[in-house]
């Protein structure tokens, strides 16, 4: 839920934010800092959430990390154990993307009662695209003639949707929304062409 953005190395602040979650902090920090590859931490966002899997409640932690050259996305999940690992375990997956590869940074802010003037966003969505995942939404094309039965082919949209994160003040708190927006600002500043 915390974000930090500075021109100095924020590694200590990131480590502290991970430890404050109480969610396997040493395991999470090990995965995150390994993926950072020794680079300075320019900005970060830590998002701790509860997920529901059938009849089980599990926790999930996402860490977004901005270095001078890369965006690192780390996800840590807990698992109850299975055939391969009978004891409960965590899995941490990291992805590092060169900042030069990022094509889009889309930020959506939802503000309640906009007629009252500028207010803190009640929700925010950050979508980052670098071309690894694309989504095509197709539908039959038509024309304005209600009597027309010709085949007009298809129309649709192609959207890059590599990473998407939504936070809300109602669920995660206003600080979390502000933190995601601060991280998005730092990312946008580093990826402008």
N, C-alpha and C. Protein backbone atom coordinates (compact mmCIF):
# COMPACT_ATOMS: atom_id res chain seq x y z
N UNK A 1 0.81 -1.19 0.00
CA UNK A 1 0.00 0.00 0.00
C UNK A 1 0.85 1.26 0.00
N UNK A 2 2.11 1.14 0.14
CA UNK A 2 2.97 2.32 0.21
C UNK A 2 3.63 2.56 -1.12
N UNK A 3 3.88 3.81 -1.38
CA UNK A 3 4.62 4.19 -2.57
C UNK A 3 5.67 5.20 -2.18
N UNK A 4 6.73 5.19 -2.91
CA UNK A 4 7.79 6.15 -2.66
C UNK A 4 8.40 6.49 -4.00
N UNK A 5 8.68 7.75 -4.22
CA UNK A 5 9.30 8.18 -5.46
C UNK A 5 10.26 9.31 -5.15
N UNK A 6 11.53 9.08 -5.42
CA UNK A 6 12.54 10.10 -5.20
C UNK A 6 13.61 9.95 -6.26
N UNK A 7 14.56 10.89 -6.27
CA UNK A 7 15.70 10.77 -7.17
C UNK A 7 16.84 10.02 -6.51
N UNK A 8 16.70 9.63 -5.25
CA UNK A 8 17.72 8.88 -4.55
C UNK A 8 17.28 7.43 -4.41
N UNK A 9 18.21 6.59 -4.02
CA UNK A 9 17.89 5.17 -3.85
C UNK A 9 16.94 4.98 -2.67
N UNK A 10 15.81 4.36 -2.94
CA UNK A 10 14.78 4.14 -1.93
C UNK A 10 14.73 2.69 -1.47
N UNK A 11 15.84 1.97 -1.59
CA UNK A 11 15.86 0.55 -1.22
C UNK A 11 15.46 0.32 0.23
N UNK A 12 15.96 1.14 1.14
CA UNK A 12 15.63 0.95 2.56
C UNK A 12 14.14 1.18 2.80
N UNK A 13 13.57 2.19 2.16
CA UNK A 13 12.13 2.47 2.32
C UNK A 13 11.30 1.33 1.74
N UNK A 14 11.73 0.76 0.62
CA UNK A 14 11.02 -0.37 0.03
C UNK A 14 11.09 -1.57 0.97
N UNK A 15 12.25 -1.86 1.50
CA UNK A 15 12.40 -2.99 2.42
C UNK A 15 11.49 -2.80 3.64
N UNK A 16 11.43 -1.57 4.15
CA UNK A 16 10.57 -1.27 5.30
C UNK A 16 9.09 -1.46 4.94
N UNK A 17 8.68 -1.01 3.76
CA UNK A 17 7.28 -1.16 3.34
C UNK A 17 6.91 -2.64 3.19
N UNK A 18 7.82 -3.44 2.67
CA UNK A 18 7.57 -4.88 2.55
C UNK A 18 7.44 -5.50 3.95
N UNK A 19 8.31 -5.13 4.86
CA UNK A 19 8.26 -5.68 6.23
C UNK A 19 6.99 -5.26 6.95
N UNK A 20 6.48 -4.06 6.69
CA UNK A 20 5.25 -3.60 7.35
C UNK A 20 4.04 -4.44 6.97
N UNK A 21 4.05 -5.06 5.79
CA UNK A 21 2.92 -5.90 5.41
C UNK A 21 2.83 -7.14 6.28
N UNK A 22 3.96 -7.60 6.80
CA UNK A 22 3.96 -8.81 7.61
C UNK A 22 3.75 -10.08 6.80
N UNK A 23 3.80 -9.97 5.50
CA UNK A 23 3.53 -11.09 4.60
C UNK A 23 4.87 -11.66 4.11
N UNK A 24 5.39 -12.63 4.83
CA UNK A 24 6.65 -13.28 4.49
C UNK A 24 7.69 -12.26 4.01
N UNK A 25 7.97 -11.25 4.81
CA UNK A 25 8.78 -10.12 4.34
C UNK A 25 10.17 -10.50 3.86
N UNK A 26 10.82 -11.46 4.50
CA UNK A 26 12.17 -11.83 4.06
C UNK A 26 12.13 -12.53 2.71
N UNK A 27 11.12 -13.38 2.50
CA UNK A 27 10.97 -14.10 1.23
C UNK A 27 10.64 -13.10 0.12
N UNK A 28 9.70 -12.20 0.37
CA UNK A 28 9.31 -11.22 -0.64
C UNK A 28 10.49 -10.31 -0.99
N UNK A 29 11.16 -9.78 0.04
CA UNK A 29 12.29 -8.88 -0.20
C UNK A 29 13.39 -9.58 -0.99
N UNK A 30 13.66 -10.84 -0.68
CA UNK A 30 14.68 -11.59 -1.40
C UNK A 30 14.35 -11.66 -2.89
N UNK A 31 13.10 -11.98 -3.23
CA UNK A 31 12.71 -12.06 -4.63
C UNK A 31 12.75 -10.71 -5.33
N UNK A 32 12.27 -9.68 -4.65
CA UNK A 32 12.21 -8.34 -5.24
C UNK A 32 13.60 -7.78 -5.49
N UNK A 33 14.46 -7.86 -4.49
CA UNK A 33 15.80 -7.28 -4.64
C UNK A 33 16.68 -8.10 -5.58
N UNK A 34 16.41 -9.38 -5.67
CA UNK A 34 17.12 -10.20 -6.65
C UNK A 34 16.76 -9.76 -8.06
N UNK A 35 15.47 -9.50 -8.30
CA UNK A 35 15.02 -9.06 -9.62
C UNK A 35 15.53 -7.65 -9.94
N UNK A 36 15.74 -6.83 -8.91
CA UNK A 36 16.25 -5.47 -9.14
C UNK A 36 17.69 -5.49 -9.63
N UNK A 37 18.40 -6.58 -9.43
CA UNK A 37 19.73 -6.72 -9.97
C UNK A 37 20.75 -5.71 -9.46
N UNK A 38 20.57 -5.23 -8.24
CA UNK A 38 21.52 -4.29 -7.68
C UNK A 38 21.30 -2.84 -8.10
N UNK A 39 20.31 -2.58 -8.93
CA UNK A 39 20.03 -1.21 -9.35
C UNK A 39 19.36 -0.43 -8.21
N UNK A 40 19.49 0.88 -8.26
CA UNK A 40 18.82 1.74 -7.29
C UNK A 40 17.30 1.63 -7.46
N UNK A 41 16.60 1.82 -6.37
CA UNK A 41 15.14 1.87 -6.38
C UNK A 41 14.74 3.33 -6.54
N UNK A 42 14.14 3.67 -7.67
CA UNK A 42 13.71 5.04 -7.95
C UNK A 42 12.33 5.30 -7.36
N UNK A 43 11.43 4.32 -7.51
CA UNK A 43 10.06 4.43 -7.02
C UNK A 43 9.53 3.02 -6.81
N UNK A 44 8.53 2.90 -5.94
CA UNK A 44 7.93 1.59 -5.71
C UNK A 44 6.50 1.75 -5.24
N UNK A 45 5.76 0.64 -5.35
CA UNK A 45 4.40 0.56 -4.83
C UNK A 45 4.22 -0.86 -4.31
N UNK A 46 3.76 -1.00 -3.08
CA UNK A 46 3.53 -2.30 -2.45
C UNK A 46 2.04 -2.44 -2.22
N UNK A 47 1.47 -3.52 -2.77
CA UNK A 47 0.02 -3.75 -2.69
C UNK A 47 -0.25 -5.12 -2.09
N UNK A 48 -0.81 -5.14 -0.89
CA UNK A 48 -1.13 -6.38 -0.17
C UNK A 48 -2.64 -6.58 -0.25
N UNK A 49 -3.05 -7.75 -0.73
CA UNK A 49 -4.49 -8.00 -0.86
C UNK A 49 -4.83 -9.42 -0.46
N UNK A 50 -6.08 -9.61 -0.12
CA UNK A 50 -6.61 -10.93 0.21
C UNK A 50 -7.33 -11.45 -1.01
N UNK A 51 -7.10 -12.72 -1.34
CA UNK A 51 -7.79 -13.35 -2.47
C UNK A 51 -8.58 -14.54 -1.95
N UNK A 52 -9.59 -14.91 -2.68
CA UNK A 52 -10.45 -16.02 -2.31
C UNK A 52 -10.34 -17.09 -3.38
N UNK A 53 -10.00 -18.31 -2.96
CA UNK A 53 -9.85 -19.43 -3.88
C UNK A 53 -10.75 -20.55 -3.38
N UNK A 54 -11.92 -20.65 -3.99
CA UNK A 54 -12.94 -21.61 -3.58
C UNK A 54 -13.28 -21.39 -2.11
N UNK A 55 -12.91 -22.31 -1.24
CA UNK A 55 -13.25 -22.18 0.17
C UNK A 55 -12.07 -21.73 1.03
N UNK A 56 -11.01 -21.24 0.38
CA UNK A 56 -9.82 -20.80 1.11
C UNK A 56 -9.58 -19.31 0.92
N UNK A 57 -9.07 -18.70 1.97
CA UNK A 57 -8.66 -17.30 1.91
C UNK A 57 -7.14 -17.28 1.86
N UNK A 58 -6.61 -16.58 0.86
CA UNK A 58 -5.16 -16.49 0.70
C UNK A 58 -4.76 -15.04 0.56
N UNK A 59 -3.50 -14.79 0.82
CA UNK A 59 -2.98 -13.44 0.66
C UNK A 59 -2.12 -13.38 -0.59
N UNK A 60 -2.02 -12.17 -1.13
CA UNK A 60 -1.24 -11.93 -2.34
C UNK A 60 -0.54 -10.59 -2.16
N UNK A 61 0.71 -10.53 -2.55
CA UNK A 61 1.46 -9.28 -2.46
C UNK A 61 2.06 -8.97 -3.82
N UNK A 62 1.83 -7.74 -4.27
CA UNK A 62 2.42 -7.24 -5.50
C UNK A 62 3.36 -6.11 -5.15
N UNK A 63 4.54 -6.13 -5.73
CA UNK A 63 5.49 -5.04 -5.58
C UNK A 63 5.84 -4.54 -6.98
N UNK A 64 5.58 -3.26 -7.22
CA UNK A 64 6.01 -2.59 -8.45
C UNK A 64 7.25 -1.80 -8.09
N UNK A 65 8.29 -1.97 -8.86
CA UNK A 65 9.57 -1.37 -8.56
C UNK A 65 10.11 -0.71 -9.83
N UNK A 66 10.50 0.53 -9.70
CA UNK A 66 11.07 1.27 -10.81
C UNK A 66 12.55 1.51 -10.52
N UNK A 67 13.41 1.06 -11.42
CA UNK A 67 14.84 1.32 -11.32
C UNK A 67 15.18 2.34 -12.41
N UNK A 68 16.40 2.79 -12.50
CA UNK A 68 16.75 3.74 -13.58
C UNK A 68 16.54 3.17 -14.98
N UNK A 69 16.54 1.84 -15.13
CA UNK A 69 16.44 1.26 -16.47
C UNK A 69 15.27 0.29 -16.67
N UNK A 70 14.64 -0.16 -15.55
CA UNK A 70 13.64 -1.21 -15.70
C UNK A 70 12.44 -1.02 -14.78
N UNK A 71 11.35 -1.65 -15.18
CA UNK A 71 10.17 -1.83 -14.34
C UNK A 71 10.19 -3.28 -13.89
N UNK A 72 10.13 -3.50 -12.58
CA UNK A 72 10.09 -4.85 -12.05
C UNK A 72 8.73 -5.05 -11.40
N UNK A 73 8.07 -6.14 -11.77
CA UNK A 73 6.77 -6.50 -11.19
C UNK A 73 6.97 -7.83 -10.47
N UNK A 74 6.67 -7.85 -9.18
CA UNK A 74 6.83 -9.07 -8.39
C UNK A 74 5.50 -9.44 -7.75
N UNK A 75 5.15 -10.71 -7.84
CA UNK A 75 3.93 -11.24 -7.22
C UNK A 75 4.33 -12.37 -6.29
N UNK A 76 3.83 -12.34 -5.08
CA UNK A 76 4.05 -13.44 -4.14
C UNK A 76 2.70 -13.95 -3.67
N UNK A 77 2.53 -15.26 -3.77
CA UNK A 77 1.30 -15.93 -3.35
C UNK A 77 1.65 -17.01 -2.35
N UNK A 78 0.70 -17.33 -1.49
CA UNK A 78 0.88 -18.45 -0.58
C UNK A 78 0.02 -19.62 -1.05
N UNK A 79 0.52 -20.83 -0.81
CA UNK A 79 -0.16 -22.05 -1.24
C UNK A 79 -0.23 -23.02 -0.07
N UNK A 80 -1.30 -23.79 0.03
CA UNK A 80 -1.46 -24.68 1.18
C UNK A 80 -0.61 -25.95 1.11
N UNK A 81 0.02 -26.22 0.02
CA UNK A 81 0.75 -27.46 -0.20
C UNK A 81 0.04 -28.28 -1.25
N UNK A 82 0.79 -29.12 -1.93
CA UNK A 82 0.22 -29.95 -2.99
C UNK A 82 1.03 -31.23 -3.13
N UNK A 83 0.88 -31.92 -4.25
CA UNK A 83 1.59 -33.19 -4.44
C UNK A 83 3.10 -33.02 -4.49
N UNK A 84 3.57 -31.93 -5.07
CA UNK A 84 5.01 -31.71 -5.20
C UNK A 84 5.63 -31.18 -3.91
N UNK A 85 4.95 -30.25 -3.27
CA UNK A 85 5.41 -29.68 -2.01
C UNK A 85 4.30 -29.85 -0.98
N UNK A 86 4.38 -30.87 -0.15
CA UNK A 86 3.28 -31.15 0.78
C UNK A 86 3.10 -30.11 1.88
N UNK A 87 4.13 -29.35 2.20
CA UNK A 87 4.00 -28.31 3.22
C UNK A 87 3.57 -27.00 2.57
N UNK A 88 2.94 -26.10 3.34
CA UNK A 88 2.58 -24.79 2.78
C UNK A 88 3.83 -24.08 2.25
N UNK A 89 3.66 -23.33 1.15
CA UNK A 89 4.79 -22.65 0.54
C UNK A 89 4.34 -21.35 -0.12
N UNK A 90 5.31 -20.53 -0.48
CA UNK A 90 5.04 -19.32 -1.25
C UNK A 90 5.67 -19.46 -2.62
N UNK A 91 5.13 -18.72 -3.57
CA UNK A 91 5.75 -18.62 -4.89
C UNK A 91 5.87 -17.13 -5.21
N UNK A 92 7.06 -16.73 -5.62
CA UNK A 92 7.30 -15.35 -6.02
C UNK A 92 7.71 -15.35 -7.48
N UNK A 93 6.96 -14.61 -8.29
CA UNK A 93 7.24 -14.48 -9.71
C UNK A 93 7.61 -13.04 -9.98
N UNK A 94 8.72 -12.84 -10.68
CA UNK A 94 9.14 -11.48 -11.01
C UNK A 94 9.27 -11.35 -12.52
N UNK A 95 8.99 -10.16 -12.99
CA UNK A 95 9.18 -9.84 -14.41
C UNK A 95 9.86 -8.49 -14.47
N UNK A 96 10.92 -8.39 -15.24
CA UNK A 96 11.65 -7.14 -15.40
C UNK A 96 11.50 -6.69 -16.86
N UNK A 97 11.06 -5.47 -17.04
CA UNK A 97 10.82 -4.92 -18.37
C UNK A 97 11.69 -3.67 -18.55
N UNK A 98 12.43 -3.62 -19.63
CA UNK A 98 13.24 -2.44 -19.91
C UNK A 98 12.29 -1.25 -20.11
N UNK A 99 12.64 -0.11 -19.52
CA UNK A 99 11.79 1.07 -19.65
C UNK A 99 11.64 1.48 -21.11
N UNK A 100 12.66 1.25 -21.91
CA UNK A 100 12.59 1.60 -23.33
C UNK A 100 11.56 0.75 -24.08
N UNK A 101 11.16 -0.39 -23.52
CA UNK A 101 10.18 -1.27 -24.17
C UNK A 101 8.75 -0.89 -23.84
N UNK A 102 8.54 -0.10 -22.80
CA UNK A 102 7.18 0.25 -22.39
C UNK A 102 6.57 1.21 -23.40
N UNK A 103 5.43 0.80 -23.93
CA UNK A 103 4.75 1.58 -24.98
C UNK A 103 3.68 2.50 -24.41
N UNK A 104 2.99 2.02 -23.38
CA UNK A 104 1.89 2.81 -22.83
C UNK A 104 1.85 2.73 -21.31
N UNK A 105 1.49 3.85 -20.72
CA UNK A 105 1.20 3.92 -19.29
C UNK A 105 -0.16 4.62 -19.21
N UNK A 106 -1.18 3.86 -18.89
CA UNK A 106 -2.55 4.38 -18.84
C UNK A 106 -2.97 4.49 -17.38
N UNK A 107 -3.41 5.67 -16.99
CA UNK A 107 -3.85 5.90 -15.62
C UNK A 107 -5.31 6.37 -15.67
N UNK A 108 -6.17 5.66 -14.96
CA UNK A 108 -7.57 6.05 -14.85
C UNK A 108 -7.83 6.44 -13.40
N UNK A 109 -8.38 7.64 -13.22
CA UNK A 109 -8.70 8.14 -11.87
C UNK A 109 -10.21 8.30 -11.78
N UNK A 110 -10.80 7.77 -10.74
CA UNK A 110 -12.22 7.93 -10.50
C UNK A 110 -12.39 8.88 -9.32
N UNK A 111 -13.06 10.01 -9.60
CA UNK A 111 -13.26 11.05 -8.58
C UNK A 111 -14.75 11.17 -8.32
N UNK A 112 -15.15 11.04 -7.07
CA UNK A 112 -16.56 11.17 -6.69
C UNK A 112 -16.94 12.65 -6.63
N UNK A 113 -18.19 12.94 -6.92
CA UNK A 113 -18.73 14.29 -6.86
C UNK A 113 -17.86 15.32 -7.59
N UNK A 114 -17.64 15.15 -8.87
CA UNK A 114 -16.74 16.05 -9.60
C UNK A 114 -17.24 17.49 -9.66
N UNK A 115 -18.51 17.72 -9.43
CA UNK A 115 -19.02 19.10 -9.46
C UNK A 115 -18.55 19.90 -8.26
N UNK A 116 -18.02 19.21 -7.24
CA UNK A 116 -17.52 19.90 -6.05
C UNK A 116 -16.07 20.37 -6.22
N UNK A 117 -15.48 20.13 -7.37
CA UNK A 117 -14.11 20.53 -7.61
C UNK A 117 -13.16 19.36 -7.52
N UNK A 118 -11.88 19.66 -7.54
CA UNK A 118 -10.86 18.62 -7.51
C UNK A 118 -10.82 17.99 -6.12
N UNK A 119 -10.86 16.67 -6.10
CA UNK A 119 -10.81 15.92 -4.86
C UNK A 119 -9.89 14.73 -5.07
N UNK A 120 -9.39 14.13 -4.00
CA UNK A 120 -8.56 12.93 -4.16
C UNK A 120 -9.35 11.84 -4.88
N UNK A 121 -8.65 11.10 -5.72
CA UNK A 121 -9.29 10.01 -6.46
C UNK A 121 -9.79 8.94 -5.48
N UNK A 122 -11.00 8.44 -5.73
CA UNK A 122 -11.56 7.37 -4.91
C UNK A 122 -11.04 6.01 -5.37
N UNK A 123 -10.67 5.91 -6.63
CA UNK A 123 -10.10 4.69 -7.20
C UNK A 123 -9.09 5.09 -8.26
N UNK A 124 -8.16 4.19 -8.51
CA UNK A 124 -7.19 4.41 -9.58
C UNK A 124 -6.87 3.07 -10.22
N UNK A 125 -6.66 3.11 -11.53
CA UNK A 125 -6.27 1.92 -12.28
C UNK A 125 -5.02 2.28 -13.07
N UNK A 126 -4.00 1.45 -12.95
CA UNK A 126 -2.77 1.62 -13.72
C UNK A 126 -2.66 0.46 -14.69
N UNK A 127 -2.56 0.77 -15.97
CA UNK A 127 -2.38 -0.23 -17.00
C UNK A 127 -1.08 0.08 -17.73
N UNK A 128 -0.21 -0.91 -17.83
CA UNK A 128 1.08 -0.73 -18.47
C UNK A 128 1.17 -1.71 -19.63
N UNK A 129 1.58 -1.22 -20.78
CA UNK A 129 1.70 -2.07 -21.96
C UNK A 129 3.09 -2.02 -22.55
N UNK A 130 3.65 -3.19 -22.85
CA UNK A 130 4.95 -3.24 -23.51
C UNK A 130 4.95 -4.24 -24.65
N UNK A 131 3.78 -4.74 -25.02
CA UNK A 131 3.66 -5.57 -26.21
C UNK A 131 3.78 -7.06 -25.98
N UNK A 132 3.90 -7.51 -24.76
CA UNK A 132 4.00 -8.95 -24.50
C UNK A 132 2.64 -9.62 -24.60
N UNK A 133 1.59 -8.91 -24.20
CA UNK A 133 0.24 -9.46 -24.22
C UNK A 133 -0.66 -8.49 -24.99
N UNK A 134 -1.40 -9.02 -25.94
CA UNK A 134 -2.35 -8.20 -26.68
C UNK A 134 -3.73 -8.82 -26.61
N UNK A 135 -4.72 -7.98 -26.65
CA UNK A 135 -6.10 -8.47 -26.60
C UNK A 135 -6.84 -7.91 -27.80
N UNK A 136 -7.55 -8.77 -28.49
CA UNK A 136 -8.36 -8.35 -29.63
C UNK A 136 -9.82 -8.58 -29.29
N UNK A 137 -10.62 -7.54 -29.37
CA UNK A 137 -12.07 -7.64 -29.16
C UNK A 137 -12.73 -7.42 -30.51
N UNK A 138 -13.37 -8.46 -31.05
CA UNK A 138 -14.02 -8.38 -32.35
C UNK A 138 -15.53 -8.50 -32.20
N UNK A 139 -16.21 -7.86 -33.14
CA UNK A 139 -17.66 -8.00 -33.22
C UNK A 139 -18.05 -7.81 -34.68
N UNK A 140 -19.19 -8.36 -35.07
CA UNK A 140 -19.62 -8.19 -36.46
C UNK A 140 -19.84 -6.71 -36.78
N UNK A 141 -19.36 -6.30 -37.94
CA UNK A 141 -19.55 -4.92 -38.38
C UNK A 141 -20.92 -4.80 -39.04
N UNK A 142 -21.45 -3.62 -39.04
CA UNK A 142 -22.75 -3.39 -39.65
C UNK A 142 -22.80 -2.02 -40.30
N UNK A 143 -23.95 -1.68 -40.79
CA UNK A 143 -24.15 -0.35 -41.37
C UNK A 143 -25.44 0.24 -40.80
N UNK A 144 -25.73 1.46 -41.15
CA UNK A 144 -26.89 2.15 -40.58
C UNK A 144 -28.20 1.77 -41.26
N UNK A 145 -28.16 1.00 -42.35
CA UNK A 145 -29.39 0.60 -43.05
C UNK A 145 -30.00 -0.61 -42.35
N UNK A 146 -31.19 -0.44 -41.72
CA UNK A 146 -31.79 -1.56 -41.00
C UNK A 146 -32.24 -2.71 -41.91
N UNK A 147 -32.37 -2.46 -43.21
CA UNK A 147 -32.79 -3.49 -44.16
C UNK A 147 -31.61 -4.25 -44.77
N UNK A 148 -30.40 -3.79 -44.51
CA UNK A 148 -29.21 -4.38 -45.11
C UNK A 148 -28.90 -5.72 -44.48
N UNK A 149 -28.67 -6.73 -45.34
CA UNK A 149 -28.29 -8.04 -44.82
C UNK A 149 -26.92 -8.48 -45.36
N UNK A 150 -26.15 -7.51 -45.83
CA UNK A 150 -24.83 -7.80 -46.37
C UNK A 150 -23.85 -8.13 -45.23
N UNK A 151 -22.84 -8.90 -45.59
CA UNK A 151 -21.78 -9.21 -44.63
C UNK A 151 -20.77 -8.06 -44.67
N UNK A 152 -20.65 -7.35 -43.58
CA UNK A 152 -19.73 -6.21 -43.50
C UNK A 152 -18.42 -6.57 -42.82
N UNK A 153 -18.19 -7.85 -42.58
CA UNK A 153 -16.96 -8.27 -41.94
C UNK A 153 -17.01 -8.05 -40.44
N UNK A 154 -15.88 -7.76 -39.91
CA UNK A 154 -15.77 -7.56 -38.46
C UNK A 154 -15.09 -6.24 -38.16
N UNK A 155 -15.37 -5.72 -37.00
CA UNK A 155 -14.70 -4.54 -36.48
C UNK A 155 -14.25 -4.85 -35.06
N UNK A 156 -13.29 -4.12 -34.59
CA UNK A 156 -12.84 -4.40 -33.24
C UNK A 156 -11.71 -3.51 -32.82
N UNK A 157 -11.15 -3.85 -31.68
CA UNK A 157 -10.04 -3.09 -31.14
C UNK A 157 -8.92 -4.04 -30.74
N UNK A 158 -7.72 -3.54 -30.87
CA UNK A 158 -6.53 -4.25 -30.43
C UNK A 158 -5.94 -3.45 -29.29
N UNK A 159 -5.81 -4.08 -28.13
CA UNK A 159 -5.31 -3.36 -26.96
C UNK A 159 -4.16 -4.12 -26.33
N UNK A 160 -3.11 -3.39 -26.00
CA UNK A 160 -2.02 -3.95 -25.21
C UNK A 160 -2.44 -3.93 -23.76
N UNK A 161 -2.30 -5.00 -23.08
CA UNK A 161 -2.81 -5.11 -21.71
C UNK A 161 -1.88 -6.01 -20.90
N UNK A 162 -0.60 -5.61 -20.83
CA UNK A 162 0.38 -6.47 -20.18
C UNK A 162 0.23 -6.51 -18.67
N UNK A 163 -0.09 -5.38 -18.07
CA UNK A 163 -0.24 -5.36 -16.61
C UNK A 163 -1.31 -4.35 -16.23
N UNK A 164 -2.13 -4.72 -15.25
CA UNK A 164 -3.24 -3.89 -14.82
C UNK A 164 -3.39 -4.02 -13.31
N UNK A 165 -3.47 -2.88 -12.60
CA UNK A 165 -3.67 -2.90 -11.15
C UNK A 165 -4.68 -1.83 -10.78
N UNK A 166 -5.66 -2.23 -9.98
CA UNK A 166 -6.71 -1.31 -9.53
C UNK A 166 -6.68 -1.26 -8.01
N UNK A 167 -6.73 -0.05 -7.46
CA UNK A 167 -6.86 0.12 -6.02
C UNK A 167 -7.98 1.11 -5.74
N UNK A 168 -8.62 0.95 -4.60
CA UNK A 168 -9.71 1.86 -4.24
C UNK A 168 -9.55 2.31 -2.79
N UNK A 169 -9.99 3.52 -2.55
CA UNK A 169 -9.93 4.07 -1.19
C UNK A 169 -10.82 3.25 -0.25
N UNK A 170 -11.94 2.76 -0.75
CA UNK A 170 -12.87 2.00 0.09
C UNK A 170 -12.25 0.68 0.56
N UNK A 171 -11.46 0.04 -0.29
CA UNK A 171 -10.89 -1.26 0.07
C UNK A 171 -9.50 -1.15 0.67
N UNK A 172 -8.62 -0.34 0.06
CA UNK A 172 -7.22 -0.28 0.49
C UNK A 172 -6.84 1.00 1.22
N UNK A 173 -7.69 2.00 1.17
CA UNK A 173 -7.40 3.27 1.83
C UNK A 173 -6.94 4.34 0.86
N UNK A 174 -7.13 5.58 1.25
CA UNK A 174 -6.77 6.71 0.40
C UNK A 174 -5.26 6.78 0.14
N UNK A 175 -4.45 6.39 1.12
CA UNK A 175 -3.00 6.40 0.93
C UNK A 175 -2.57 5.45 -0.18
N UNK A 176 -3.26 4.33 -0.31
CA UNK A 176 -2.93 3.36 -1.35
C UNK A 176 -3.22 3.94 -2.73
N UNK A 177 -4.36 4.61 -2.88
CA UNK A 177 -4.70 5.24 -4.16
C UNK A 177 -3.66 6.31 -4.50
N UNK A 178 -3.34 7.15 -3.53
CA UNK A 178 -2.34 8.19 -3.76
C UNK A 178 -0.98 7.57 -4.09
N UNK A 179 -0.64 6.46 -3.45
CA UNK A 179 0.62 5.79 -3.71
C UNK A 179 0.71 5.24 -5.11
N UNK A 180 -0.38 4.63 -5.59
CA UNK A 180 -0.38 4.11 -6.96
C UNK A 180 -0.25 5.25 -7.96
N UNK A 181 -0.94 6.35 -7.71
CA UNK A 181 -0.84 7.50 -8.61
C UNK A 181 0.56 8.10 -8.61
N UNK A 182 1.21 8.14 -7.46
CA UNK A 182 2.59 8.64 -7.39
C UNK A 182 3.53 7.72 -8.17
N UNK A 183 3.33 6.41 -8.05
CA UNK A 183 4.16 5.48 -8.81
C UNK A 183 3.92 5.66 -10.31
N UNK A 184 2.66 5.81 -10.69
CA UNK A 184 2.33 6.02 -12.11
C UNK A 184 2.98 7.29 -12.65
N UNK A 185 3.00 8.35 -11.85
CA UNK A 185 3.66 9.59 -12.26
C UNK A 185 5.15 9.36 -12.49
N UNK A 186 5.79 8.64 -11.56
CA UNK A 186 7.23 8.37 -11.70
C UNK A 186 7.52 7.52 -12.93
N UNK A 187 6.68 6.52 -13.17
CA UNK A 187 6.85 5.67 -14.34
C UNK A 187 6.64 6.47 -15.62
N UNK A 188 5.60 7.28 -15.65
CA UNK A 188 5.33 8.10 -16.85
C UNK A 188 6.50 9.05 -17.13
N UNK A 189 7.06 9.64 -16.09
CA UNK A 189 8.19 10.56 -16.27
C UNK A 189 9.41 9.84 -16.85
N UNK A 190 9.61 8.58 -16.50
CA UNK A 190 10.78 7.83 -16.98
C UNK A 190 10.57 7.21 -18.35
N UNK A 191 9.32 7.11 -18.81
CA UNK A 191 9.06 6.45 -20.10
C UNK A 191 8.66 7.41 -21.20
N UNK A 192 8.69 8.69 -20.92
CA UNK A 192 8.32 9.64 -21.98
C UNK A 192 9.42 9.64 -23.05
N UNK A 193 8.99 9.80 -24.28
CA UNK A 193 9.94 9.69 -25.40
C UNK A 193 10.46 10.93 -25.84
